[in-house]
């Protein structure tokens, strides 16, 4: 009798797991389109932010319009990046970047002006940093300090501490990683654009 009950339980659990898998698969299928729409919307909003284009209090339609009428998606050496135009004048470039954070990767976009001499803005679109510590990279004060940063020199454009940008207390690994990847990314982006577009 006991053996029968155990077998019955295993069959019931298996059927329940199978049914749950079917339900989750169905929900994923019917919501996938909306998830993709929301993902693209947040991505476009983030890229607009790197160019300091105000999206606060704007509807989705207004943000789509801002993005599609001012930005052009390009591809260079396998990298998708965006150019921003105002009245047919090139304002700057926004490139993706990825860094290693404390608990996983940190990804975002970094924008620089058309002469590659200053940063226009920076945004983080995905990370797994610790709430209250490394995750504070999403706070406005942290991101805004990158705007207008001079990158006309040869190296070490981004650094934290004395005479540099304000770091986040308790998030040393996160800000050090950001510093390294941004310096490398800026150098690489400048090299790509100068070789491919400014020659």
Foldseek 3Di string as FASTA:
>chain_A
DVVVVVVVVVVVVVVVVVVVVVVVVVVCVVCVVVVVVVLVLVQLVQQCVQQVNDPPPPDSVVSVCQSVVFWDWDADPRFIKIWGDDPNHTFWIKGKFWWAFDPGIWIWIWIDGPVLFATQWIATDDDDDDPPFLVCCRPPLNGVVRHGQTPNDQFQSADDDDVGGDHTPPRVRNVVRVSVRVRVVSNVVVVRCCVPPVD
